Amino acid sequence: MYYITIFLAGVGGGFVADVLKDNTLEIPKKINGKIVLGSLGGLIIGGAAGLAIDGSFLTAFMGGFMGKEVITSLMPQKNLKKE
């Protein structure tokens, strides 16, 4: 149960980071035959980063926030056109 709580704290941090980025949440969708995770990807990254950080709820939240921001800034950005 402890790991689920820490994961959810990281998810919360990823959620806040995603909302603060552009004040929206993006639902997953399929574009050009590829699945784009949208906000769900940020939540998964945030939860994983929260688990990787020290065992505190607050540090897991901050790890989820910063982990999502750091990992997405390192990824190559592509503009997917809707068709």
PDB file of N, CA and C in Angstrom:
ATOM      1  N   MET A   1       0.822  -1.199   0.000  1.00  0.00           N
ATOM      2  CA  MET A   1       0.000   0.000   0.000  1.00  0.00           C
ATOM      3  C   MET A   1       0.864   1.261   0.000  1.00  0.00           C
ATOM      4  N   TYR A   2       2.023   1.174   0.645  1.00  0.00           N
ATOM      5  CA  TYR A   2       2.931   2.307   0.728  1.00  0.00           C
ATOM      6  C   TYR A   2       3.411   2.726  -0.666  1.00  0.00           C
ATOM      7  N   TYR A   3       3.775   1.750  -1.514  1.00  0.00           N
ATOM      8  CA  TYR A   3       4.273   2.069  -2.849  1.00  0.00           C
ATOM      9  C   TYR A   3       3.187   2.683  -3.725  1.00  0.00           C
ATOM     10  N   ILE A   4       1.959   2.268  -3.529  1.00  0.00           N
ATOM     11  CA  ILE A   4       0.853   2.861  -4.291  1.00  0.00           C
ATOM     12  C   ILE A   4       0.684   4.323  -3.905  1.00  0.00           C
ATOM     13  N   THR A   5       0.799   4.629  -2.630  1.00  0.00           N
ATOM     14  CA  THR A   5       0.688   6.012  -2.167  1.00  0.00           C
ATOM     15  C   THR A   5       1.808   6.879  -2.739  1.00  0.00           C
ATOM     16  N   ILE A   6       3.026   6.358  -2.734  1.00  0.00           N
ATOM     17  CA  ILE A   6       4.157   7.102  -3.287  1.00  0.00           C
ATOM     18  C   ILE A   6       3.985   7.282  -4.794  1.00  0.00           C
ATOM     19  N   PHE A   7       3.521   6.238  -5.496  1.00  0.00           N
ATOM     20  CA  PHE A   7       3.267   6.348  -6.935  1.00  0.00           C
ATOM     21  C   PHE A   7       2.212   7.418  -7.209  1.00  0.00           C
ATOM     22  N   LEU A   8       1.144   7.425  -6.427  1.00  0.00           N
ATOM     23  CA  LEU A   8       0.088   8.423  -6.624  1.00  0.00           C
ATOM     24  C   LEU A   8       0.565   9.836  -6.313  1.00  0.00           C
ATOM     25  N   ALA A   9       1.493   9.979  -5.377  1.00  0.00           N
ATOM     26  CA  ALA A   9       2.079  11.299  -5.121  1.00  0.00           C
ATOM     27  C   ALA A   9       2.859  11.764  -6.341  1.00  0.00           C
ATOM     28  N   GLY A  10       3.609  10.866  -6.964  1.00  0.00           N
ATOM     29  CA  GLY A  10       4.320  11.199  -8.199  1.00  0.00           C
ATOM     30  C   GLY A  10       3.375  11.528  -9.334  1.00  0.00           C
ATOM     31  N   VAL A  11       2.260  10.783  -9.416  1.00  0.00           N
ATOM     32  CA  VAL A  11       1.236  11.067 -10.430  1.00  0.00           C
ATOM     33  C   VAL A  11       0.663  12.465 -10.202  1.00  0.00           C
ATOM     34  N   GLY A  12       0.445  12.822  -8.941  1.00  0.00           N
ATOM     35  CA  GLY A  12      -0.055  14.163  -8.625  1.00  0.00           C
ATOM     36  C   GLY A  12       0.915  15.242  -9.075  1.00  0.00           C
ATOM     37  N   GLY A  13       2.203  15.013  -8.868  1.00  0.00           N
ATOM     38  CA  GLY A  13       3.209  15.963  -9.327  1.00  0.00           C
ATOM     39  C   GLY A  13       3.231  16.084 -10.836  1.00  0.00           C
ATOM     40  N   GLY A  14       3.119  14.954 -11.529  1.00  0.00           N
ATOM     41  CA  GLY A  14       3.052  14.976 -12.995  1.00  0.00           C
ATOM     42  C   GLY A  14       1.802  15.679 -13.500  1.00  0.00           C
ATOM     43  N   PHE A  15       0.698  15.502 -12.784  1.00  0.00           N
ATOM     44  CA  PHE A  15      -0.555  16.162 -13.148  1.00  0.00           C
ATOM     45  C   PHE A  15      -0.423  17.678 -13.029  1.00  0.00           C
ATOM     46  N   VAL A  16       0.130  18.121 -11.912  1.00  0.00           N
ATOM     47  CA  VAL A  16       0.311  19.563 -11.703  1.00  0.00           C
ATOM     48  C   VAL A  16       1.248  20.145 -12.759  1.00  0.00           C
ATOM     49  N   ALA A  17       2.331  19.442 -13.069  1.00  0.00           N
ATOM     50  CA  ALA A  17       3.275  19.916 -14.087  1.00  0.00           C
ATOM     51  C   ALA A  17       2.590  20.038 -15.438  1.00  0.00           C
ATOM     52  N   ASP A  18       1.732  19.073 -15.774  1.00  0.00           N
ATOM     53  CA  ASP A  18       1.046  19.099 -17.066  1.00  0.00           C
ATOM     54  C   ASP A  18       0.026  20.235 -17.136  1.00  0.00           C
ATOM     55  N   VAL A  19      -0.698  20.461 -16.069  1.00  0.00           N
ATOM     56  CA  VAL A  19      -1.698  21.531 -16.060  1.00  0.00           C
ATOM     57  C   VAL A  19      -1.020  22.905 -16.095  1.00  0.00           C
ATOM     58  N   LEU A  20       0.076  23.058 -15.354  1.00  0.00           N
ATOM     59  CA  LEU A  20       0.764  24.346 -15.331  1.00  0.00           C
ATOM     60  C   LEU A  20       1.441  24.671 -16.657  1.00  0.00           C
ATOM     61  N   LYS A  21       1.764  23.638 -17.428  1.00  0.00           N
ATOM     62  CA  LYS A  21       2.455  23.851 -18.705  1.00  0.00           C
ATOM     63  C   LYS A  21       1.613  24.672 -19.673  1.00  0.00           C
ATOM     64  N   ASP A  22       0.367  24.277 -19.887  1.00  0.00           N
ATOM     65  CA  ASP A  22      -0.478  25.004 -20.847  1.00  0.00           C
ATOM     66  C   ASP A  22      -1.936  25.108 -20.405  1.00  0.00           C
ATOM     67  N   ASN A  23      -2.201  24.850 -19.131  1.00  0.00           N
ATOM     68  CA  ASN A  23      -3.532  24.995 -18.545  1.00  0.00           C
ATOM     69  C   ASN A  23      -4.580  24.076 -19.177  1.00  0.00           C
ATOM     70  N   THR A  24      -4.138  22.956 -19.735  1.00  0.00           N
ATOM     71  CA  THR A  24      -5.062  21.991 -20.331  1.00  0.00           C
ATOM     72  C   THR A  24      -4.592  20.568 -20.037  1.00  0.00           C
ATOM     73  N   LEU A  25      -5.486  19.633 -20.206  1.00  0.00           N
ATOM     74  CA  LEU A  25      -5.161  18.216 -20.181  1.00  0.00           C
ATOM     75  C   LEU A  25      -5.487  17.654 -21.555  1.00  0.00           C
ATOM     76  N   GLU A  26      -4.604  16.836 -22.079  1.00  0.00           N
ATOM     77  CA  GLU A  26      -4.800  16.270 -23.411  1.00  0.00           C
ATOM     78  C   GLU A  26      -5.140  14.794 -23.272  1.00  0.00           C
ATOM     79  N   ILE A  27      -6.235  14.376 -23.886  1.00  0.00           N
ATOM     80  CA  ILE A  27      -6.627  12.976 -23.810  1.00  0.00           C
ATOM     81  C   ILE A  27      -5.815  12.167 -24.818  1.00  0.00           C
ATOM     82  N   PRO A  28      -5.591  10.883 -24.528  1.00  0.00           N
ATOM     83  CA  PRO A  28      -4.871  10.044 -25.492  1.00  0.00           C
ATOM     84  C   PRO A  28      -5.659   9.928 -26.790  1.00  0.00           C
ATOM     85  N   LYS A  29      -4.941   9.869 -27.911  1.00  0.00           N
ATOM     86  CA  LYS A  29      -5.597   9.743 -29.207  1.00  0.00           C
ATOM     87  C   LYS A  29      -4.678   9.046 -30.192  1.00  0.00           C
ATOM     88  N   LYS A  30      -5.221   8.698 -31.331  1.00  0.00           N
ATOM     89  CA  LYS A  30      -4.465   8.036 -32.386  1.00  0.00           C
ATOM     90  C   LYS A  30      -4.328   9.003 -33.554  1.00  0.00           C
ATOM     91  N   ILE A  31      -3.063   9.312 -33.921  1.00  0.00           N
ATOM     92  CA  ILE A  31      -2.794  10.232 -35.026  1.00  0.00           C
ATOM     93  C   ILE A  31      -1.845   9.540 -35.996  1.00  0.00           C
ATOM     94  N   ASN A  32      -2.244   9.477 -37.259  1.00  0.00           N
ATOM     95  CA  ASN A  32      -1.423   8.850 -38.308  1.00  0.00           C
ATOM     96  C   ASN A  32      -1.004   7.430 -37.938  1.00  0.00           C
ATOM     97  N   GLY A  33      -1.877   6.685 -37.317  1.00  0.00           N
ATOM     98  CA  GLY A  33      -1.589   5.308 -36.940  1.00  0.00           C
ATOM     99  C   GLY A  33      -0.717   5.159 -35.702  1.00  0.00           C
ATOM    100  N   LYS A  34      -0.408   6.267 -35.028  1.00  0.00           N
ATOM    101  CA  LYS A  34       0.402   6.227 -33.810  1.00  0.00           C
ATOM    102  C   LYS A  34      -0.441   6.662 -32.623  1.00  0.00           C
ATOM    103  N   ILE A  35      -0.228   6.014 -31.493  1.00  0.00           N
ATOM    104  CA  ILE A  35      -0.954   6.374 -30.279  1.00  0.00           C
ATOM    105  C   ILE A  35      -0.173   7.459 -29.550  1.00  0.00           C
ATOM    106  N   VAL A  36      -0.816   8.586 -29.314  1.00  0.00           N
ATOM    107  CA  VAL A  36      -0.222   9.700 -28.571  1.00  0.00           C
ATOM    108  C   VAL A  36      -0.853   9.680 -27.184  1.00  0.00           C
ATOM    109  N   LEU A  37      -0.021   9.524 -26.155  1.00  0.00           N
ATOM    110  CA  LEU A  37      -0.535   9.361 -24.798  1.00  0.00           C
ATOM    111  C   LEU A  37      -1.080  10.642 -24.188  1.00  0.00           C
ATOM    112  N   GLY A  38      -0.633  11.787 -24.638  1.00  0.00           N
ATOM    113  CA  GLY A  38      -1.117  13.052 -24.092  1.00  0.00           C
ATOM    114  C   GLY A  38      -0.763  13.178 -22.625  1.00  0.00           C
ATOM    115  N   SER A  39      -1.704  13.576 -21.812  1.00  0.00           N
ATOM    116  CA  SER A  39      -1.465  13.771 -20.381  1.00  0.00           C
ATOM    117  C   SER A  39      -1.215  12.456 -19.649  1.00  0.00           C
ATOM    118  N   LEU A  40      -1.732  11.365 -20.174  1.00  0.00           N
ATOM    119  CA  LEU A  40      -1.534  10.065 -19.536  1.00  0.00           C
ATOM    120  C   LEU A  40      -0.049   9.703 -19.470  1.00  0.00           C
ATOM    121  N   GLY A  41       0.699  10.046 -20.505  1.00  0.00           N
ATOM    122  CA  GLY A  41       2.140   9.791 -20.507  1.00  0.00           C
ATOM    123  C   GLY A  41       2.851  10.545 -19.397  1.00  0.00           C
ATOM    124  N   GLY A  42       2.463  11.799 -19.183  1.00  0.00           N
ATOM    125  CA  GLY A  42       3.050  12.596 -18.112  1.00  0.00           C
ATOM    126  C   GLY A  42       2.733  12.036 -16.743  1.00  0.00           C
ATOM    127  N   LEU A  43       1.537  11.495 -16.584  1.00  0.00           N
ATOM    128  CA  LEU A  43       1.157  10.903 -15.298  1.00  0.00           C
ATOM    129  C   LEU A  43       1.960   9.638 -15.013  1.00  0.00           C
ATOM    130  N   ILE A  44       2.181   8.830 -16.044  1.00  0.00           N
ATOM    131  CA  ILE A  44       2.967   7.608 -15.870  1.00  0.00           C
ATOM    132  C   ILE A  44       4.415   7.951 -15.541  1.00  0.00           C
ATOM    133  N   ILE A  45       4.982   8.917 -16.270  1.00  0.00           N
ATOM    134  CA  ILE A  45       6.356   9.353 -16.005  1.00  0.00           C
ATOM    135  C   ILE A  45       6.462   9.929 -14.595  1.00  0.00           C
ATOM    136  N   GLY A  46       5.501  10.737 -14.200  1.00  0.00           N
ATOM    137  CA  GLY A  46       5.513  11.322 -12.862  1.00  0.00           C
ATOM    138  C   GLY A  46       5.439  10.279 -11.772  1.00  0.00           C
ATOM    139  N   GLY A  47       4.599   9.272 -11.955  1.00  0.00           N
ATOM    140  CA  GLY A  47       4.496   8.195 -10.967  1.00  0.00           C
ATOM    141  C   GLY A  47       5.775   7.392 -10.859  1.00  0.00           C
ATOM    142  N   ALA A  48       6.398   7.094 -11.994  1.00  0.00           N
ATOM    143  CA  ALA A  48       7.655   6.348 -11.984  1.00  0.00           C
ATOM    144  C   ALA A  48       8.763   7.164 -11.329  1.00  0.00           C
ATOM    145  N   ALA A  49       8.807   8.461 -11.619  1.00  0.00           N
ATOM    146  CA  ALA A  49       9.814   9.318 -10.995  1.00  0.00           C
ATOM    147  C   ALA A  49       9.581   9.424  -9.491  1.00  0.00           C
ATOM    148  N   GLY A  50       8.328   9.463  -9.076  1.00  0.00           N
ATOM    149  CA  GLY A  50       8.011   9.497  -7.651  1.00  0.00           C
ATOM    150  C   GLY A  50       8.480   8.250  -6.926  1.00  0.00           C
ATOM    151  N   LEU A  51       8.382   7.103  -7.581  1.00  0.00           N
ATOM    152  CA  LEU A  51       8.866   5.864  -6.976  1.00  0.00           C
ATOM    153  C   LEU A  51      10.389   5.826  -6.905  1.00  0.00           C
ATOM    154  N   ALA A  52      11.043   6.470  -7.847  1.00  0.00           N
ATOM    155  CA  ALA A  52      12.509   6.446  -7.891  1.00  0.00           C
ATOM    156  C   ALA A  52      13.136   7.361  -6.842  1.00  0.00           C
ATOM    157  N   ILE A  53      12.373   8.335  -6.363  1.00  0.00           N
ATOM    158  CA  ILE A  53      12.882   9.297  -5.388  1.00  0.00           C
ATOM    159  C   ILE A  53      12.767   8.694  -3.983  1.00  0.00           C
ATOM    160  N   ASP A  54      13.351   9.364  -3.010  1.00  0.00           N
ATOM    161  CA  ASP A  54      13.283   8.968  -1.605  1.00  0.00           C
ATOM    162  C   ASP A  54      11.844   8.637  -1.200  1.00  0.00           C
ATOM    163  N   GLY A  55      11.638   7.952  -0.115  1.00  0.00           N
ATOM    164  CA  GLY A  55      10.342   7.426   0.264  1.00  0.00           C
ATOM    165  C   GLY A  55       9.327   8.382   0.852  1.00  0.00           C
ATOM    166  N   SER A  56       9.549   9.668   0.826  1.00  0.00           N
ATOM    167  CA  SER A  56       8.624  10.632   1.407  1.00  0.00           C
ATOM    168  C   SER A  56       7.536  11.025   0.402  1.00  0.00           C
ATOM    169  N   PHE A  57       6.337  11.315   0.911  1.00  0.00           N
ATOM    170  CA  PHE A  57       5.231  11.732   0.052  1.00  0.00           C
ATOM    171  C   PHE A  57       5.558  13.039  -0.675  1.00  0.00           C
ATOM    172  N   LEU A  58       6.129  14.000   0.040  1.00  0.00           N
ATOM    173  CA  LEU A  58       6.452  15.303  -0.551  1.00  0.00           C
ATOM    174  C   LEU A  58       7.545  15.193  -1.604  1.00  0.00           C
ATOM    175  N   THR A  59       8.582  14.425  -1.318  1.00  0.00           N
ATOM    176  CA  THR A  59       9.645  14.286  -2.315  1.00  0.00           C
ATOM    177  C   THR A  59       9.176  13.493  -3.524  1.00  0.00           C
ATOM    178  N   ALA A  60       8.250  12.557  -3.327  1.00  0.00           N
ATOM    179  CA  ALA A  60       7.682  11.833  -4.468  1.00  0.00           C
ATOM    180  C   ALA A  60       6.859  12.773  -5.337  1.00  0.00           C
ATOM    181  N   PHE A  61       6.113  13.681  -4.704  1.00  0.00           N
ATOM    182  CA  PHE A  61       5.332  14.669  -5.458  1.00  0.00           C
ATOM    183  C   PHE A  61       6.259  15.555  -6.284  1.00  0.00           C
ATOM    184  N   MET A  62       7.311  16.071  -5.639  1.00  0.00           N
ATOM    185  CA  MET A  62       8.261  16.930  -6.347  1.00  0.00           C
ATOM    186  C   MET A  62       9.037  16.151  -7.409  1.00  0.00           C
ATOM    187  N   GLY A  63       9.336  14.884  -7.125  1.00  0.00           N
ATOM    188  CA  GLY A  63       9.994  14.038  -8.124  1.00  0.00           C
ATOM    189  C   GLY A  63       9.107  13.817  -9.327  1.00  0.00           C
ATOM    190  N   GLY A  64       7.813  13.633  -9.096  1.00  0.00           N
ATOM    191  CA  GLY A  64       6.872  13.492 -10.208  1.00  0.00           C
ATOM    192  C   GLY A  64       6.766  14.751 -11.028  1.00  0.00           C
ATOM    193  N   PHE A  65       6.776  15.894 -10.346  1.00  0.00           N
ATOM    194  CA  PHE A  65       6.710  17.180 -11.039  1.00  0.00           C
ATOM    195  C   PHE A  65       7.961  17.399 -11.891  1.00  0.00           C
ATOM    196  N   MET A  66       9.123  17.287 -11.273  1.00  0.00           N
ATOM    197  CA  MET A  66      10.373  17.551 -11.979  1.00  0.00           C
ATOM    198  C   MET A  66      10.733  16.425 -12.941  1.00  0.00           C
ATOM    199  N   GLY A  67      10.433  15.193 -12.583  1.00  0.00           N
ATOM    200  CA  GLY A  67      10.742  14.064 -13.469  1.00  0.00           C
ATOM    201  C   GLY A  67      10.015  14.175 -14.789  1.00  0.00           C
ATOM    202  N   LYS A  68       8.764  14.547 -14.736  1.00  0.00           N
ATOM    203  CA  LYS A  68       7.981  14.721 -15.959  1.00  0.00           C
ATOM    204  C   LYS A  68       8.552  15.853 -16.796  1.00  0.00           C
ATOM    205  N   GLU A  69       8.902  16.965 -16.162  1.00  0.00           N
ATOM    206  CA  GLU A  69       9.445  18.115 -16.883  1.00  0.00           C
ATOM    207  C   GLU A  69      10.803  17.799 -17.507  1.00  0.00           C
ATOM    208  N   VAL A  70      11.677  17.142 -16.767  1.00  0.00           N
ATOM    209  CA  VAL A  70      13.017  16.841 -17.268  1.00  0.00           C
ATOM    210  C   VAL A  70      12.959  15.836 -18.408  1.00  0.00           C
ATOM    211  N   ILE A  71      12.220  14.757 -18.225  1.00  0.00           N
ATOM    212  CA  ILE A  71      12.163  13.716 -19.249  1.00  0.00           C
ATOM    213  C   ILE A  71      11.519  14.242 -20.520  1.00  0.00           C
ATOM    214  N   THR A  72      10.439  14.995 -20.414  1.00  0.00           N
ATOM    215  CA  THR A  72       9.804  15.513 -21.631  1.00  0.00           C
ATOM    216  C   THR A  72      10.646  16.584 -22.307  1.00  0.00           C
ATOM    217  N   SER A  73      11.476  17.309 -21.565  1.00  0.00           N
ATOM    218  CA  SER A  73      12.345  18.293 -22.208  1.00  0.00           C
ATOM    219  C   SER A  73      13.503  17.621 -22.933  1.00  0.00           C
ATOM    220  N   LEU A  74      13.892  16.425 -22.529  1.00  0.00           N
ATOM    221  CA  LEU A  74      14.966  15.699 -23.199  1.00  0.00           C
ATOM    222  C   LEU A  74      14.499  14.966 -24.446  1.00  0.00           C
ATOM    223  N   MET A  75      13.210  14.702 -24.547  1.00  0.00           N
ATOM    224  CA  MET A  75      12.672  13.982 -25.699  1.00  0.00           C
ATOM    225  C   MET A  75      12.612  14.904 -26.913  1.00  0.00           C
ATOM    226  N   PRO A  76      12.870  14.348 -28.108  1.00  0.00           N
ATOM    227  CA  PRO A  76      12.741  15.188 -29.308  1.00  0.00           C
ATOM    228  C   PRO A  76      11.288  15.577 -29.524  1.00  0.00           C
ATOM    229  N   GLN A  77      11.055  16.834 -29.840  1.00  0.00           N
ATOM    230  CA  GLN A  77       9.698  17.333 -30.037  1.00  0.00           C
ATOM    231  C   GLN A  77       9.329  17.251 -31.515  1.00  0.00           C
ATOM    232  N   LYS A  78       8.215  16.625 -31.796  1.00  0.00           N
ATOM    233  CA  LYS A  78       7.718  16.517 -33.161  1.00  0.00           C
ATOM    234  C   LYS A  78       6.324  17.093 -33.213  1.00  0.00           C
ATOM    235  N   ASN A  79       6.003  17.758 -34.271  1.00  0.00           N
ATOM    236  CA  ASN A  79       4.654  18.264 -34.472  1.00  0.00           C
ATOM    237  C   ASN A  79       3.873  17.237 -35.269  1.00  0.00           C
ATOM    238  N   LEU A  80       2.874  16.639 -34.642  1.00  0.00           N
ATOM    239  CA  LEU A  80       2.034  15.662 -35.316  1.00  0.00           C
ATOM    240  C   LEU A  80       0.839  16.380 -35.911  1.00  0.00           C
ATOM    241  N   LYS A  81       0.652  16.225 -37.196  1.00  0.00           N
ATOM    242  CA  LYS A  81      -0.463  16.869 -37.867  1.00  0.00           C
ATOM    243  C   LYS A  81      -1.682  15.960 -37.821  1.00  0.00           C
ATOM    244  N   LYS A  82      -2.830  16.543 -37.543  1.00  0.00           N
ATOM    245  CA  LYS A  82      -4.081  15.798 -37.519  1.00  0.00           C
ATOM    246  C   LYS A  82      -4.549  15.590 -38.951  1.00  0.00           C
ATOM    247  N   GLU A  83      -4.992  14.380 -39.216  1.00  0.00           N
ATOM    248  CA  GLU A  83      -5.552  14.114 -40.551  1.00  0.00           C
ATOM    249  C   GLU A  83      -6.886  13.452 -40.432  1.00  0.00           C
TER     250      GLU A  83
END
